[in-house]
Amino acid sequence: QVQLVESGGGLVQPGGSLRLSCAASGSIFTMDMGWYRQAPGKEREWVASITSGGRTYYDDSVKGRFTISRDNAKNTVYLQMNSLKPDDTAIYYCRTIYPIYWGQGTQVAVSS
């Protein structure tokens, strides 16, 4: 079993940046990883993924603004978020693609 702990969320003004981290309790170097988010009153949605080999994929809504990366030596996955918009406000979750493990989430609020 893998435990995931997200951090790095907070309140930021539109146009600002945040870097989220997802620390895993065990080795994740063979696992594909993903970031998801859930805005108030909406369903959880996929944001970005990174394969064990480092290939990355993004939802169109964040492409060009967000960057997913991983440091296998630290068992950590990151989500660099730039040019943040109010629509990016949500709880952000880290997940192992398979088998499925979720973190507890970290809140991101974009507001002036």
C-alpha atoms as a PDB file:
ATOM      1  CA  GLN A   1       0.000   0.000   0.000  1.00  0.00           C
ATOM      2  CA  VAL A   2       1.154   3.505  -0.855  1.00  0.00           C
ATOM      3  CA  GLN A   3       0.224   6.576   1.153  1.00  0.00           C
ATOM      4  CA  LEU A   4       0.249   9.921  -0.624  1.00  0.00           C
ATOM      5  CA  VAL A   5       0.514  13.303   1.076  1.00  0.00           C
ATOM      6  CA  GLU A   6      -0.040  16.500  -0.896  1.00  0.00           C
ATOM      7  CA  SER A   7       1.276  19.900   0.127  1.00  0.00           C
ATOM      8  CA  GLY A   8       1.894  23.342  -1.301  1.00  0.00           C
ATOM      9  CA  GLY A   9      -1.624  24.630  -1.693  1.00  0.00           C
ATOM     10  CA  GLY A  10      -2.739  28.069  -0.594  1.00  0.00           C
ATOM     11  CA  LEU A  11      -4.280  31.369  -1.605  1.00  0.00           C
ATOM     12  CA  VAL A  12      -2.780  33.123  -4.619  1.00  0.00           C
ATOM     13  CA  GLN A  13      -3.773  36.064  -6.787  1.00  0.00           C
ATOM     14  CA  PRO A  14      -4.753  35.581 -10.434  1.00  0.00           C
ATOM     15  CA  GLY A  15      -1.637  35.274 -12.556  1.00  0.00           C
ATOM     16  CA  GLY A  16       0.354  33.872  -9.670  1.00  0.00           C
ATOM     17  CA  SER A  17       2.092  30.530  -9.241  1.00  0.00           C
ATOM     18  CA  LEU A  18       2.095  27.608  -6.857  1.00  0.00           C
ATOM     19  CA  ARG A  19       4.033  24.365  -6.713  1.00  0.00           C
ATOM     20  CA  LEU A  20       2.236  21.337  -5.339  1.00  0.00           C
ATOM     21  CA  SER A  21       4.089  18.315  -4.029  1.00  0.00           C
ATOM     22  CA  CYS A  22       2.898  14.744  -3.555  1.00  0.00           C
ATOM     23  CA  ALA A  23       5.114  12.645  -1.306  1.00  0.00           C
ATOM     24  CA  ALA A  24       4.665   8.887  -1.372  1.00  0.00           C
ATOM     25  CA  SER A  25       5.346   6.556   1.537  1.00  0.00           C
ATOM     26  CA  GLY A  26       6.906   3.955  -0.715  1.00  0.00           C
ATOM     27  CA  SER A  27       8.628   3.611  -4.037  1.00  0.00           C
ATOM     28  CA  ILE A  28       6.610   4.897  -6.951  1.00  0.00           C
ATOM     29  CA  PHE A  29       9.230   4.723  -9.678  1.00  0.00           C
ATOM     30  CA  THR A  30       7.298   1.999 -11.542  1.00  0.00           C
ATOM     31  CA  MET A  31       3.959   3.789 -11.216  1.00  0.00           C
ATOM     32  CA  ASP A  32       2.214   6.238 -13.469  1.00  0.00           C
ATOM     33  CA  MET A  33       1.021   9.202 -11.413  1.00  0.00           C
ATOM     34  CA  GLY A  34      -1.681  11.817 -11.801  1.00  0.00           C
ATOM     35  CA  TRP A  35      -3.054  15.052 -10.436  1.00  0.00           C
ATOM     36  CA  TYR A  36      -6.782  15.616 -10.198  1.00  0.00           C
ATOM     37  CA  ARG A  37      -8.892  18.451  -8.838  1.00  0.00           C
ATOM     38  CA  GLN A  38     -12.367  19.017  -7.515  1.00  0.00           C
ATOM     39  CA  ALA A  39     -13.933  22.452  -7.529  1.00  0.00           C
ATOM     40  CA  PRO A  40     -16.858  23.333  -5.227  1.00  0.00           C
ATOM     41  CA  GLY A  41     -20.062  21.763  -6.516  1.00  0.00           C
ATOM     42  CA  LYS A  42     -18.291  19.933  -9.330  1.00  0.00           C
ATOM     43  CA  GLU A  43     -17.041  16.425  -9.942  1.00  0.00           C
ATOM     44  CA  ARG A  44     -13.413  15.492  -9.572  1.00  0.00           C
ATOM     45  CA  GLU A  45     -11.549  15.929 -12.846  1.00  0.00           C
ATOM     46  CA  TRP A  46      -8.231  14.854 -14.249  1.00  0.00           C
ATOM     47  CA  VAL A  47      -5.558  17.550 -14.606  1.00  0.00           C
ATOM     48  CA  ALA A  48      -2.283  15.922 -15.625  1.00  0.00           C
ATOM     49  CA  SER A  49      -0.414  12.609 -15.633  1.00  0.00           C
ATOM     50  CA  ILE A  50       3.148  11.432 -15.822  1.00  0.00           C
ATOM     51  CA  THR A  51       4.201   7.916 -16.751  1.00  0.00           C
ATOM     52  CA  SER A  52       6.923   5.941 -15.012  1.00  0.00           C
ATOM     53  CA  GLY A  53       9.111   6.822 -17.977  1.00  0.00           C
ATOM     54  CA  GLY A  54       8.448  10.533 -17.659  1.00  0.00           C
ATOM     55  CA  ARG A  55       5.954  11.094 -20.480  1.00  0.00           C
ATOM     56  CA  THR A  56       3.465  13.807 -19.567  1.00  0.00           C
ATOM     57  CA  TYR A  57      -0.161  14.496 -20.458  1.00  0.00           C
ATOM     58  CA  TYR A  58      -2.358  17.498 -19.698  1.00  0.00           C
ATOM     59  CA  ASP A  59      -5.966  18.500 -19.830  1.00  0.00           C
ATOM     60  CA  ASP A  60      -6.499  21.274 -22.368  1.00  0.00           C
ATOM     61  CA  SER A  61      -7.573  23.671 -19.619  1.00  0.00           C
ATOM     62  CA  VAL A  62      -4.087  23.644 -18.059  1.00  0.00           C
ATOM     63  CA  LYS A  63      -1.855  22.903 -21.041  1.00  0.00           C
ATOM     64  CA  GLY A  64       0.917  25.488 -21.284  1.00  0.00           C
ATOM     65  CA  ARG A  65       0.370  26.689 -17.721  1.00  0.00           C
ATOM     66  CA  PHE A  66       0.905  23.606 -15.556  1.00  0.00           C
ATOM     67  CA  THR A  67       3.868  21.238 -15.518  1.00  0.00           C
ATOM     68  CA  ILE A  68       3.885  17.806 -13.919  1.00  0.00           C
ATOM     69  CA  SER A  69       7.205  16.268 -12.941  1.00  0.00           C
ATOM     70  CA  ARG A  70       8.596  13.565 -10.690  1.00  0.00           C
ATOM     71  CA  ASP A  71      11.654  12.844  -8.590  1.00  0.00           C
ATOM     72  CA  ASN A  72      11.806   9.093  -8.131  1.00  0.00           C
ATOM     73  CA  ALA A  73      14.707   9.330  -5.704  1.00  0.00           C
ATOM     74  CA  LYS A  74      12.458  11.346  -3.393  1.00  0.00           C
ATOM     75  CA  ASN A  75       9.266   9.377  -4.234  1.00  0.00           C
ATOM     76  CA  THR A  76       7.658  12.718  -5.018  1.00  0.00           C
ATOM     77  CA  VAL A  77       5.537  14.108  -7.812  1.00  0.00           C
ATOM     78  CA  TYR A  78       5.134  17.824  -8.434  1.00  0.00           C
ATOM     79  CA  LEU A  79       2.662  20.097 -10.148  1.00  0.00           C
ATOM     80  CA  GLN A  80       4.013  23.514 -11.055  1.00  0.00           C
ATOM     81  CA  MET A  81       1.083  25.828 -11.680  1.00  0.00           C
ATOM     82  CA  ASN A  82       1.668  29.168 -13.410  1.00  0.00           C
ATOM     83  CA  SER A  83      -0.669  31.871 -14.684  1.00  0.00           C
ATOM     84  CA  LEU A  84      -3.311  30.731 -12.247  1.00  0.00           C
ATOM     85  CA  LYS A  85      -6.931  31.677 -12.845  1.00  0.00           C
ATOM     86  CA  PRO A  86      -9.939  31.807 -10.511  1.00  0.00           C
ATOM     87  CA  ASP A  87     -11.281  28.732 -12.352  1.00  0.00           C
ATOM     88  CA  ASP A  88      -8.274  26.784 -11.048  1.00  0.00           C
ATOM     89  CA  THR A  89      -9.684  27.056  -7.523  1.00  0.00           C
ATOM     90  CA  ALA A  90     -10.177  23.507  -6.230  1.00  0.00           C
ATOM     91  CA  ILE A  91      -8.883  20.809  -3.959  1.00  0.00           C
ATOM     92  CA  TYR A  92      -5.994  19.137  -5.764  1.00  0.00           C
ATOM     93  CA  TYR A  93      -5.420  15.421  -5.322  1.00  0.00           C
ATOM     94  CA  CYS A  94      -2.521  13.183  -6.172  1.00  0.00           C
ATOM     95  CA  ARG A  95      -3.188   9.641  -7.329  1.00  0.00           C
ATOM     96  CA  THR A  96      -1.359   6.535  -8.413  1.00  0.00           C
ATOM     97  CA  ILE A  97      -2.886   5.415 -11.695  1.00  0.00           C
ATOM     98  CA  TYR A  98      -2.796   1.679 -10.951  1.00  0.00           C
ATOM     99  CA  PRO A  99      -3.294   0.354  -8.389  1.00  0.00           C
ATOM    100  CA  ILE A 100      -5.344   3.319  -7.272  1.00  0.00           C
ATOM    101  CA  TYR A 101      -4.310   5.262  -4.211  1.00  0.00           C
ATOM    102  CA  TRP A 102      -5.434   8.813  -3.435  1.00  0.00           C
ATOM    103  CA  GLY A 103      -3.953  11.495  -1.257  1.00  0.00           C
ATOM    104  CA  GLN A 104      -6.052  13.632   1.070  1.00  0.00           C
ATOM    105  CA  GLY A 105      -5.833  16.711  -1.135  1.00  0.00           C
ATOM    106  CA  THR A 106      -4.527  20.242  -0.820  1.00  0.00           C
ATOM    107  CA  GLN A 107      -6.637  23.369  -1.263  1.00  0.00           C
ATOM    108  CA  VAL A 108      -5.794  25.905  -3.953  1.00  0.00           C
ATOM    109  CA  ALA A 109      -7.663  29.201  -4.036  1.00  0.00           C
ATOM    110  CA  VAL A 110      -7.097  31.800  -6.739  1.00  0.00           C
ATOM    111  CA  SER A 111      -8.625  35.132  -5.862  1.00  0.00           C
ATOM    112  CA  SER A 112      -7.820  38.809  -5.739  1.00  0.00           C
END
